[in-house]
Amino acid sequence: DAPGTNPEELIAAAHASCFSMALSAQLGERG
């Protein structure tokens, strides 16, 4: 638990970001 980042945290950031954008696109397709 040392302060700093790691590959898993970066994957979590990528997944949260990608999903949010994909959800915005899917919502847009539904008006």
PDB file of all heavy atoms in Angstrom:
ATOM      1  N   ASP A   1       0.806  -1.230   0.000  1.00  0.00           N
ATOM      2  CA  ASP A   1       0.000   0.000   0.000  1.00  0.00           C
ATOM      3  C   ASP A   1       0.833   1.270   0.000  1.00  0.00           C
ATOM      4  O   ASP A   1       0.390   2.304   0.508  1.00  0.00           O
ATOM      5  CB  ASP A   1      -0.951   0.002   1.204  1.00  0.00           C
ATOM      6  CG  ASP A   1      -2.071  -1.014   1.035  1.00  0.00           C
ATOM      7  OD1 ASP A   1      -2.496  -1.229  -0.106  1.00  0.00           O
ATOM      8  OD2 ASP A   1      -2.506  -1.578   2.049  1.00  0.00           O
ATOM      9  N   ALA A   2       2.022   1.225  -0.563  1.00  0.00           N
ATOM     10  CA  ALA A   2       2.853   2.432  -0.623  1.00  0.00           C
ATOM     11  C   ALA A   2       2.195   3.455  -1.553  1.00  0.00           C
ATOM     12  O   ALA A   2       1.521   3.088  -2.517  1.00  0.00           O
ATOM     13  CB  ALA A   2       4.254   2.084  -1.124  1.00  0.00           C
ATOM     14  N   PRO A   3       2.376   4.735  -1.263  1.00  0.00           N
ATOM     15  CA  PRO A   3       1.821   5.769  -2.145  1.00  0.00           C
ATOM     16  C   PRO A   3       2.423   5.657  -3.551  1.00  0.00           C
ATOM     17  O   PRO A   3       3.604   5.365  -3.701  1.00  0.00           O
ATOM     18  CB  PRO A   3       2.248   7.079  -1.479  1.00  0.00           C
ATOM     19  CG  PRO A   3       2.611   6.727  -0.084  1.00  0.00           C
ATOM     20  CD  PRO A   3       3.071   5.303  -0.117  1.00  0.00           C
ATOM     21  N   GLY A   4       1.602   5.884  -4.543  1.00  0.00           N
ATOM     22  CA  GLY A   4       2.055   5.801  -5.934  1.00  0.00           C
ATOM     23  C   GLY A   4       1.087   4.969  -6.742  1.00  0.00           C
ATOM     24  O   GLY A   4       0.079   4.487  -6.239  1.00  0.00           O
ATOM     25  N   THR A   5       1.397   4.800  -7.994  1.00  0.00           N
ATOM     26  CA  THR A   5       0.496   4.089  -8.885  1.00  0.00           C
ATOM     27  C   THR A   5       1.036   2.717  -9.258  1.00  0.00           C
ATOM     28  O   THR A   5       2.105   2.304  -8.801  1.00  0.00           O
ATOM     29  CB  THR A   5       0.199   4.937 -10.142  1.00  0.00           C
ATOM     30  OG1 THR A   5      -0.915   4.352 -10.828  1.00  0.00           O
ATOM     31  CG2 THR A   5       1.396   5.045 -11.063  1.00  0.00           C
ATOM     32  N   ASN A   6       0.275   2.014 -10.072  1.00  0.00           N
ATOM     33  CA  ASN A   6       0.665   0.683 -10.526  1.00  0.00           C
ATOM     34  C   ASN A   6      -0.124   0.352 -11.791  1.00  0.00           C
ATOM     35  O   ASN A   6      -1.099   1.045 -12.117  1.00  0.00           O
ATOM     36  CB  ASN A   6       0.409  -0.350  -9.414  1.00  0.00           C
ATOM     37  CG  ASN A   6      -1.016  -0.316  -8.943  1.00  0.00           C
ATOM     38  OD1 ASN A   6      -1.942  -0.628  -9.689  1.00  0.00           O
ATOM     39  ND2 ASN A   6      -1.223   0.095  -7.691  1.00  0.00           N
ATOM     40  N   PRO A   7       0.267  -0.678 -12.517  1.00  0.00           N
ATOM     41  CA  PRO A   7      -0.429  -1.000 -13.765  1.00  0.00           C
ATOM     42  C   PRO A   7      -1.922  -1.268 -13.588  1.00  0.00           C
ATOM     43  O   PRO A   7      -2.730  -0.871 -14.435  1.00  0.00           O
ATOM     44  CB  PRO A   7       0.301  -2.251 -14.266  1.00  0.00           C
ATOM     45  CG  PRO A   7       1.677  -2.129 -13.694  1.00  0.00           C
ATOM     46  CD  PRO A   7       1.469  -1.518 -12.330  1.00  0.00           C
ATOM     47  N   GLU A   8      -2.302  -1.890 -12.498  1.00  0.00           N
ATOM     48  CA  GLU A   8      -3.720  -2.215 -12.292  1.00  0.00           C
ATOM     49  C   GLU A   8      -4.556  -0.950 -12.110  1.00  0.00           C
ATOM     50  O   GLU A   8      -5.684  -0.861 -12.602  1.00  0.00           O
ATOM     51  CB  GLU A   8      -3.883  -3.163 -11.094  1.00  0.00           C
ATOM     52  CG  GLU A   8      -3.289  -4.537 -11.337  1.00  0.00           C
ATOM     53  CD  GLU A   8      -1.769  -4.575 -11.339  1.00  0.00           C
ATOM     54  OE1 GLU A   8      -1.115  -3.789 -10.619  1.00  0.00           O
ATOM     55  OE2 GLU A   8      -1.215  -5.400 -12.095  1.00  0.00           O
ATOM     56  N   GLU A   9      -4.012   0.027 -11.423  1.00  0.00           N
ATOM     57  CA  GLU A   9      -4.715   1.296 -11.244  1.00  0.00           C
ATOM     58  C   GLU A   9      -4.897   2.000 -12.588  1.00  0.00           C
ATOM     59  O   GLU A   9      -5.942   2.589 -12.860  1.00  0.00           O
ATOM     60  CB  GLU A   9      -3.923   2.176 -10.280  1.00  0.00           C
ATOM     61  CG  GLU A   9      -4.589   3.478  -9.941  1.00  0.00           C
ATOM     62  CD  GLU A   9      -3.814   4.259  -8.907  1.00  0.00           C
ATOM     63  OE1 GLU A   9      -2.656   4.663  -9.197  1.00  0.00           O
ATOM     64  OE2 GLU A   9      -4.348   4.465  -7.795  1.00  0.00           O
ATOM     65  N   LEU A  10      -3.890   1.907 -13.432  1.00  0.00           N
ATOM     66  CA  LEU A  10      -3.979   2.515 -14.763  1.00  0.00           C
ATOM     67  C   LEU A  10      -5.019   1.803 -15.617  1.00  0.00           C
ATOM     68  O   LEU A  10      -5.751   2.442 -16.383  1.00  0.00           O
ATOM     69  CB  LEU A  10      -2.614   2.508 -15.433  1.00  0.00           C
ATOM     70  CG  LEU A  10      -1.557   3.341 -14.708  1.00  0.00           C
ATOM     71  CD1 LEU A  10      -0.182   3.086 -15.308  1.00  0.00           C
ATOM     72  CD2 LEU A  10      -1.910   4.804 -14.733  1.00  0.00           C
ATOM     73  N   ILE A  11      -5.112   0.493 -15.487  1.00  0.00           N
ATOM     74  CA  ILE A  11      -6.143  -0.254 -16.210  1.00  0.00           C
ATOM     75  C   ILE A  11      -7.525   0.149 -15.705  1.00  0.00           C
ATOM     76  O   ILE A  11      -8.462   0.319 -16.488  1.00  0.00           O
ATOM     77  CB  ILE A  11      -5.902  -1.772 -16.106  1.00  0.00           C
ATOM     78  CG1 ILE A  11      -4.646  -2.142 -16.913  1.00  0.00           C
ATOM     79  CG2 ILE A  11      -7.117  -2.566 -16.580  1.00  0.00           C
ATOM     80  CD1 ILE A  11      -4.148  -3.537 -16.693  1.00  0.00           C
ATOM     81  N   ALA A  12      -7.651   0.327 -14.394  1.00  0.00           N
ATOM     82  CA  ALA A  12      -8.936   0.778 -13.830  1.00  0.00           C
ATOM     83  C   ALA A  12      -9.313   2.147 -14.393  1.00  0.00           C
ATOM     84  O   ALA A  12     -10.472   2.379 -14.767  1.00  0.00           O
ATOM     85  CB  ALA A  12      -8.856   0.827 -12.303  1.00  0.00           C
ATOM     86  N   ALA A  13      -8.358   3.054 -14.483  1.00  0.00           N
ATOM     87  CA  ALA A  13      -8.629   4.384 -15.041  1.00  0.00           C
ATOM     88  C   ALA A  13      -9.048   4.271 -16.505  1.00  0.00           C
ATOM     89  O   ALA A  13      -9.999   4.935 -16.942  1.00  0.00           O
ATOM     90  CB  ALA A  13      -7.397   5.279 -14.908  1.00  0.00           C
ATOM     91  N   ALA A  14      -8.358   3.428 -17.252  1.00  0.00           N
ATOM     92  CA  ALA A  14      -8.692   3.238 -18.661  1.00  0.00           C
ATOM     93  C   ALA A  14     -10.087   2.653 -18.811  1.00  0.00           C
ATOM     94  O   ALA A  14     -10.866   3.085 -19.670  1.00  0.00           O
ATOM     95  CB  ALA A  14      -7.656   2.344 -19.338  1.00  0.00           C
ATOM     96  N   HIS A  15     -10.435   1.674 -17.975  1.00  0.00           N
ATOM     97  CA  HIS A  15     -11.736   1.034 -18.093  1.00  0.00           C
ATOM     98  C   HIS A  15     -12.860   2.003 -17.723  1.00  0.00           C
ATOM     99  O   HIS A  15     -13.875   2.092 -18.431  1.00  0.00           O
ATOM    100  CB  HIS A  15     -11.793  -0.236 -17.240  1.00  0.00           C
ATOM    101  CG  HIS A  15     -12.849  -1.180 -17.674  1.00  0.00           C
ATOM    102  ND1 HIS A  15     -13.294  -2.196 -16.867  1.00  0.00           N
ATOM    103  CD2 HIS A  15     -13.571  -1.286 -18.817  1.00  0.00           C
ATOM    104  CE1 HIS A  15     -14.243  -2.877 -17.503  1.00  0.00           C
ATOM    105  NE2 HIS A  15     -14.427  -2.333 -18.686  1.00  0.00           N
ATOM    106  N   ALA A  16     -12.690   2.744 -16.637  1.00  0.00           N
ATOM    107  CA  ALA A  16     -13.713   3.711 -16.231  1.00  0.00           C
ATOM    108  C   ALA A  16     -13.917   4.773 -17.304  1.00  0.00           C
ATOM    109  O   ALA A  16     -15.057   5.128 -17.633  1.00  0.00           O
ATOM    110  CB  ALA A  16     -13.327   4.361 -14.899  1.00  0.00           C
ATOM    111  N   SER A  17     -12.835   5.260 -17.863  1.00  0.00           N
ATOM    112  CA  SER A  17     -12.917   6.302 -18.901  1.00  0.00           C
ATOM    113  C   SER A  17     -13.571   5.773 -20.164  1.00  0.00           C
ATOM    114  O   SER A  17     -14.465   6.404 -20.735  1.00  0.00           O
ATOM    115  CB  SER A  17     -11.513   6.811 -19.238  1.00  0.00           C
ATOM    116  OG  SER A  17     -10.887   7.344 -18.102  1.00  0.00           O
ATOM    117  N   CYS A  18     -13.112   4.626 -20.624  1.00  0.00           N
ATOM    118  CA  CYS A  18     -13.632   4.034 -21.853  1.00  0.00           C
ATOM    119  C   CYS A  18     -15.119   3.707 -21.712  1.00  0.00           C
ATOM    120  O   CYS A  18     -15.923   4.014 -22.596  1.00  0.00           O
ATOM    121  CB  CYS A  18     -12.837   2.774 -22.183  1.00  0.00           C
ATOM    122  SG  CYS A  18     -13.314   1.981 -23.727  1.00  0.00           S
ATOM    123  N   PHE A  19     -15.488   3.102 -20.593  1.00  0.00           N
ATOM    124  CA  PHE A  19     -16.888   2.738 -20.383  1.00  0.00           C
ATOM    125  C   PHE A  19     -17.779   3.973 -20.363  1.00  0.00           C
ATOM    126  O   PHE A  19     -18.855   3.982 -20.974  1.00  0.00           O
ATOM    127  CB  PHE A  19     -17.063   1.928 -19.092  1.00  0.00           C
ATOM    128  CG  PHE A  19     -18.500   1.641 -18.791  1.00  0.00           C
ATOM    129  CD1 PHE A  19     -19.160   0.630 -19.449  1.00  0.00           C
ATOM    130  CD2 PHE A  19     -19.198   2.425 -17.886  1.00  0.00           C
ATOM    131  CE1 PHE A  19     -20.515   0.380 -19.210  1.00  0.00           C
ATOM    132  CE2 PHE A  19     -20.546   2.183 -17.640  1.00  0.00           C
ATOM    133  CZ  PHE A  19     -21.202   1.165 -18.298  1.00  0.00           C
ATOM    134  N   SER A  20     -17.347   5.027 -19.669  1.00  0.00           N
ATOM    135  CA  SER A  20     -18.158   6.248 -19.604  1.00  0.00           C
ATOM    136  C   SER A  20     -18.391   6.836 -20.987  1.00  0.00           C
ATOM    137  O   SER A  20     -19.504   7.255 -21.319  1.00  0.00           O
ATOM    138  CB  SER A  20     -17.486   7.283 -18.697  1.00  0.00           C
ATOM    139  OG  SER A  20     -17.511   6.849 -17.355  1.00  0.00           O
ATOM    140  N   MET A  21     -17.348   6.855 -21.814  1.00  0.00           N
ATOM    141  CA  MET A  21     -17.502   7.372 -23.179  1.00  0.00           C
ATOM    142  C   MET A  21     -18.401   6.469 -24.011  1.00  0.00           C
ATOM    143  O   MET A  21     -19.253   6.942 -24.768  1.00  0.00           O
ATOM    144  CB  MET A  21     -16.136   7.506 -23.846  1.00  0.00           C
ATOM    145  CG  MET A  21     -15.296   8.628 -23.257  1.00  0.00           C
ATOM    146  SD  MET A  21     -13.707   8.784 -24.085  1.00  0.00           S
ATOM    147  CE  MET A  21     -14.229   9.564 -25.615  1.00  0.00           C
ATOM    148  N   ALA A  22     -18.225   5.156 -23.881  1.00  0.00           N
ATOM    149  CA  ALA A  22     -19.056   4.207 -24.630  1.00  0.00           C
ATOM    150  C   ALA A  22     -20.516   4.329 -24.208  1.00  0.00           C
ATOM    151  O   ALA A  22     -21.428   4.273 -25.050  1.00  0.00           O
ATOM    152  CB  ALA A  22     -18.555   2.771 -24.417  1.00  0.00           C
ATOM    153  N   LEU A  23     -20.753   4.531 -22.917  1.00  0.00           N
ATOM    154  CA  LEU A  23     -22.121   4.684 -22.428  1.00  0.00           C
ATOM    155  C   LEU A  23     -22.738   5.980 -22.973  1.00  0.00           C
ATOM    156  O   LEU A  23     -23.899   5.994 -23.385  1.00  0.00           O
ATOM    157  CB  LEU A  23     -22.159   4.657 -20.910  1.00  0.00           C
ATOM    158  CG  LEU A  23     -23.523   4.812 -20.250  1.00  0.00           C
ATOM    159  CD1 LEU A  23     -24.564   3.851 -20.836  1.00  0.00           C
ATOM    160  CD2 LEU A  23     -23.400   4.630 -18.747  1.00  0.00           C
ATOM    161  N   SER A  24     -21.965   7.040 -23.033  1.00  0.00           N
ATOM    162  CA  SER A  24     -22.468   8.284 -23.612  1.00  0.00           C
ATOM    163  C   SER A  24     -22.891   8.069 -25.063  1.00  0.00           C
ATOM    164  O   SER A  24     -23.950   8.541 -25.489  1.00  0.00           O
ATOM    165  CB  SER A  24     -21.396   9.374 -23.529  1.00  0.00           C
ATOM    166  OG  SER A  24     -21.875  10.571 -24.106  1.00  0.00           O
ATOM    167  N   ALA A  25     -22.080   7.334 -25.810  1.00  0.00           N
ATOM    168  CA  ALA A  25     -22.415   7.047 -27.211  1.00  0.00           C
ATOM    169  C   ALA A  25     -23.684   6.209 -27.307  1.00  0.00           C
ATOM    170  O   ALA A  25     -24.569   6.500 -28.130  1.00  0.00           O
ATOM    171  CB  ALA A  25     -21.255   6.318 -27.894  1.00  0.00           C
ATOM    172  N   GLN A  26     -23.797   5.191 -26.466  1.00  0.00           N
ATOM    173  CA  GLN A  26     -24.976   4.324 -26.492  1.00  0.00           C
ATOM    174  C   GLN A  26     -26.237   5.090 -26.087  1.00  0.00           C
ATOM    175  O   GLN A  26     -27.306   4.881 -26.660  1.00  0.00           O
ATOM    176  CB  GLN A  26     -24.768   3.107 -25.590  1.00  0.00           C
ATOM    177  CG  GLN A  26     -23.757   2.112 -26.106  1.00  0.00           C
ATOM    178  CD  GLN A  26     -24.233   1.416 -27.358  1.00  0.00           C
ATOM    179  OE1 GLN A  26     -25.430   1.204 -27.579  1.00  0.00           O
ATOM    180  NE2 GLN A  26     -23.295   1.050 -28.216  1.00  0.00           N
ATOM    181  N   LEU A  27     -26.098   5.972 -25.110  1.00  0.00           N
ATOM    182  CA  LEU A  27     -27.248   6.793 -24.708  1.00  0.00           C
ATOM    183  C   LEU A  27     -27.664   7.709 -25.856  1.00  0.00           C
ATOM    184  O   LEU A  27     -28.856   7.862 -26.139  1.00  0.00           O
ATOM    185  CB  LEU A  27     -26.910   7.611 -23.462  1.00  0.00           C
ATOM    186  CG  LEU A  27     -26.785   6.821 -22.160  1.00  0.00           C
ATOM    187  CD1 LEU A  27     -26.167   7.684 -21.074  1.00  0.00           C
ATOM    188  CD2 LEU A  27     -28.124   6.249 -21.722  1.00  0.00           C
ATOM    189  N   GLY A  28     -26.694   8.297 -26.525  1.00  0.00           N
ATOM    190  CA  GLY A  28     -26.977   9.170 -27.661  1.00  0.00           C
ATOM    191  C   GLY A  28     -27.737   8.454 -28.759  1.00  0.00           C
ATOM    192  O   GLY A  28     -28.646   9.025 -29.380  1.00  0.00           O
ATOM    193  N   GLU A  29     -27.382   7.186 -29.003  1.00  0.00           N
ATOM    194  CA  GLU A  29     -28.095   6.394 -30.009  1.00  0.00           C
ATOM    195  C   GLU A  29     -29.552   6.169 -29.626  1.00  0.00           C
ATOM    196  O   GLU A  29     -30.388   5.871 -30.474  1.00  0.00           O
ATOM    197  CB  GLU A  29     -27.400   5.047 -30.217  1.00  0.00           C
ATOM    198  CG  GLU A  29     -26.075   5.157 -30.952  1.00  0.00           C
ATOM    199  CD  GLU A  29     -25.409   3.813 -31.167  1.00  0.00           C
ATOM    200  OE1 GLU A  29     -26.062   2.764 -30.965  1.00  0.00           O
ATOM    201  OE2 GLU A  29     -24.213   3.817 -31.526  1.00  0.00           O
ATOM    202  N   ARG A  30     -29.853   6.326 -28.351  1.00  0.00           N
ATOM    203  CA  ARG A  30     -31.215   6.139 -27.861  1.00  0.00           C
ATOM    204  C   ARG A  30     -31.895   7.476 -27.585  1.00  0.00           C
ATOM    205  O   ARG A  30     -32.926   7.536 -26.919  1.00  0.00           O
ATOM    206  CB  ARG A  30     -31.185   5.261 -26.613  1.00  0.00           C
ATOM    207  CG  ARG A  30     -30.826   3.810 -26.947  1.00  0.00           C
ATOM    208  CD  ARG A  30     -30.321   3.049 -25.734  1.00  0.00           C
ATOM    209  NE  ARG A  30     -30.013   1.672 -26.081  1.00  0.00           N
ATOM    210  CZ  ARG A  30     -28.885   1.275 -26.696  1.00  0.00           C
ATOM    211  NH1 ARG A  30     -27.957   2.143 -27.035  1.00  0.00           N
ATOM    212  NH2 ARG A  30     -28.678  -0.001 -26.965  1.00  0.00           N
ATOM    213  N   GLY A  31     -31.297   8.553 -28.054  1.00  0.00           N
ATOM    214  CA  GLY A  31     -31.888   9.877 -27.897  1.00  0.00           C
ATOM    215  C   GLY A  31     -31.761  10.468 -26.512  1.00  0.00           C
ATOM    216  O   GLY A  31     -32.518  11.368 -26.144  1.00  0.00           O
TER     217      GLY A  31
END
